[in-house]
């Protein structure tokens, strides 16, 4: 469940070859990313279906957005 989610997020941040060669990113924006080790997540992932696990992570992301200074938004 984690790998597809990470792939989705990273896939949205891919830099094209032309941008790499020019050294310019016309629509670039500074971002911050964090990592959280959720205790018991592996065990939970073994016990619940993937769609339910996605719902749990979505709720966790919403809680984090509420806890940090605005403007904060999830990656599209």
C-alpha atoms as a PDB file:
ATOM      1  CA  UNK A   1       0.000   0.000   0.000  1.00  0.00           C
ATOM      2  CA  UNK A   2       2.859   2.353   0.809  1.00  0.00           C
ATOM      3  CA  UNK A   3       4.790   1.914  -2.445  1.00  0.00           C
ATOM      4  CA  UNK A   4       1.891   2.863  -4.758  1.00  0.00           C
ATOM      5  CA  UNK A   5       1.170   5.946  -2.624  1.00  0.00           C
ATOM      6  CA  UNK A   6       4.800   7.049  -2.705  1.00  0.00           C
ATOM      7  CA  UNK A   7       4.963   6.366  -6.438  1.00  0.00           C
ATOM      8  CA  UNK A   8       1.890   8.518  -6.973  1.00  0.00           C
ATOM      9  CA  UNK A   9       3.357  11.418  -5.006  1.00  0.00           C
ATOM     10  CA  UNK A  10       6.773  11.181  -6.631  1.00  0.00           C
ATOM     11  CA  UNK A  11       5.319  10.764 -10.117  1.00  0.00           C
ATOM     12  CA  UNK A  12       3.767  14.192  -9.786  1.00  0.00           C
ATOM     13  CA  UNK A  13       7.165  15.729  -9.069  1.00  0.00           C
ATOM     14  CA  UNK A  14       9.131  14.315 -11.988  1.00  0.00           C
ATOM     15  CA  UNK A  15      11.430  16.733 -13.788  1.00  0.00           C
ATOM     16  CA  UNK A  16      11.571  16.451 -17.574  1.00  0.00           C
ATOM     17  CA  UNK A  17      14.779  16.026 -19.598  1.00  0.00           C
ATOM     18  CA  UNK A  18      14.507  19.507 -21.154  1.00  0.00           C
ATOM     19  CA  UNK A  19      14.184  21.064 -17.699  1.00  0.00           C
ATOM     20  CA  UNK A  20      17.203  19.125 -16.464  1.00  0.00           C
ATOM     21  CA  UNK A  21      19.303  20.231 -19.429  1.00  0.00           C
ATOM     22  CA  UNK A  22      18.296  23.893 -19.144  1.00  0.00           C
ATOM     23  CA  UNK A  23      18.622  24.004 -15.371  1.00  0.00           C
ATOM     24  CA  UNK A  24      15.304  25.875 -15.163  1.00  0.00           C
ATOM     25  CA  UNK A  25      11.998  24.784 -13.717  1.00  0.00           C
ATOM     26  CA  UNK A  26       9.408  27.364 -14.784  1.00  0.00           C
ATOM     27  CA  UNK A  27       6.682  26.160 -12.449  1.00  0.00           C
ATOM     28  CA  UNK A  28       8.893  25.051  -9.550  1.00  0.00           C
ATOM     29  CA  UNK A  29       7.785  25.782  -6.015  1.00  0.00           C
ATOM     30  CA  UNK A  30       9.719  25.158  -2.811  1.00  0.00           C
ATOM     31  CA  UNK A  31       8.254  22.330  -0.765  1.00  0.00           C
ATOM     32  CA  UNK A  32       8.924  20.505   2.466  1.00  0.00           C
ATOM     33  CA  UNK A  33       8.350  16.826   2.965  1.00  0.00           C
ATOM     34  CA  UNK A  34       8.289  14.777   6.121  1.00  0.00           C
ATOM     35  CA  UNK A  35       8.421  11.159   7.138  1.00  0.00           C
ATOM     36  CA  UNK A  36       6.501   9.653  10.011  1.00  0.00           C
ATOM     37  CA  UNK A  37       7.002   6.165  11.383  1.00  0.00           C
ATOM     38  CA  UNK A  38       3.545   5.073  12.518  1.00  0.00           C
ATOM     39  CA  UNK A  39       3.845   2.493  15.292  1.00  0.00           C
ATOM     40  CA  UNK A  40       1.935  -0.662  14.393  1.00  0.00           C
ATOM     41  CA  UNK A  41       1.355   0.321  10.757  1.00  0.00           C
ATOM     42  CA  UNK A  42       2.898  -2.860   9.336  1.00  0.00           C
ATOM     43  CA  UNK A  43       0.731  -4.992  11.591  1.00  0.00           C
ATOM     44  CA  UNK A  44      -2.329  -2.938  10.692  1.00  0.00           C
ATOM     45  CA  UNK A  45      -1.523  -3.323   7.002  1.00  0.00           C
ATOM     46  CA  UNK A  46      -1.560  -7.088   7.416  1.00  0.00           C
ATOM     47  CA  UNK A  47      -4.988  -7.039   9.069  1.00  0.00           C
ATOM     48  CA  UNK A  48      -7.088  -4.623   7.011  1.00  0.00           C
ATOM     49  CA  UNK A  49      -7.847  -4.411   3.282  1.00  0.00           C
ATOM     50  CA  UNK A  50      -5.807  -1.895   1.212  1.00  0.00           C
ATOM     51  CA  UNK A  51      -8.744   0.484   0.650  1.00  0.00           C
ATOM     52  CA  UNK A  52      -9.364   0.689   4.402  1.00  0.00           C
ATOM     53  CA  UNK A  53      -5.669   1.298   5.019  1.00  0.00           C
ATOM     54  CA  UNK A  54      -5.778   4.140   2.487  1.00  0.00           C
ATOM     55  CA  UNK A  55      -8.645   5.681   4.445  1.00  0.00           C
ATOM     56  CA  UNK A  56      -6.594   5.478   7.648  1.00  0.00           C
ATOM     57  CA  UNK A  57      -3.643   7.223   5.980  1.00  0.00           C
ATOM     58  CA  UNK A  58      -5.926   9.885   4.496  1.00  0.00           C
ATOM     59  CA  UNK A  59      -7.226  10.674   7.985  1.00  0.00           C
ATOM     60  CA  UNK A  60      -3.684  10.836   9.301  1.00  0.00           C
ATOM     61  CA  UNK A  61      -2.679  13.264   6.535  1.00  0.00           C
ATOM     62  CA  UNK A  62      -5.676  15.469   7.363  1.00  0.00           C
ATOM     63  CA  UNK A  63      -4.649  15.528  11.023  1.00  0.00           C
ATOM     64  CA  UNK A  64      -1.140  16.607  10.073  1.00  0.00           C
ATOM     65  CA  UNK A  65      -2.456  19.380   7.846  1.00  0.00           C
ATOM     66  CA  UNK A  66      -4.487  20.678  10.784  1.00  0.00           C
ATOM     67  CA  UNK A  67      -1.469  20.551  13.114  1.00  0.00           C
ATOM     68  CA  UNK A  68       1.008  22.641  11.102  1.00  0.00           C
ATOM     69  CA  UNK A  69       1.061  26.293  10.172  1.00  0.00           C
ATOM     70  CA  UNK A  70      -0.925  27.238   7.069  1.00  0.00           C
ATOM     71  CA  UNK A  71      -0.765  27.262   4.150  1.00  0.00           C
ATOM     72  CA  UNK A  72      -0.478  23.487   4.019  1.00  0.00           C
ATOM     73  CA  UNK A  73      -2.015  21.221   1.441  1.00  0.00           C
ATOM     74  CA  UNK A  74      -1.511  17.652   0.350  1.00  0.00           C
ATOM     75  CA  UNK A  75       0.274  16.969  -2.899  1.00  0.00           C
ATOM     76  CA  UNK A  76      -2.185  16.761  -5.785  1.00  0.00           C
END
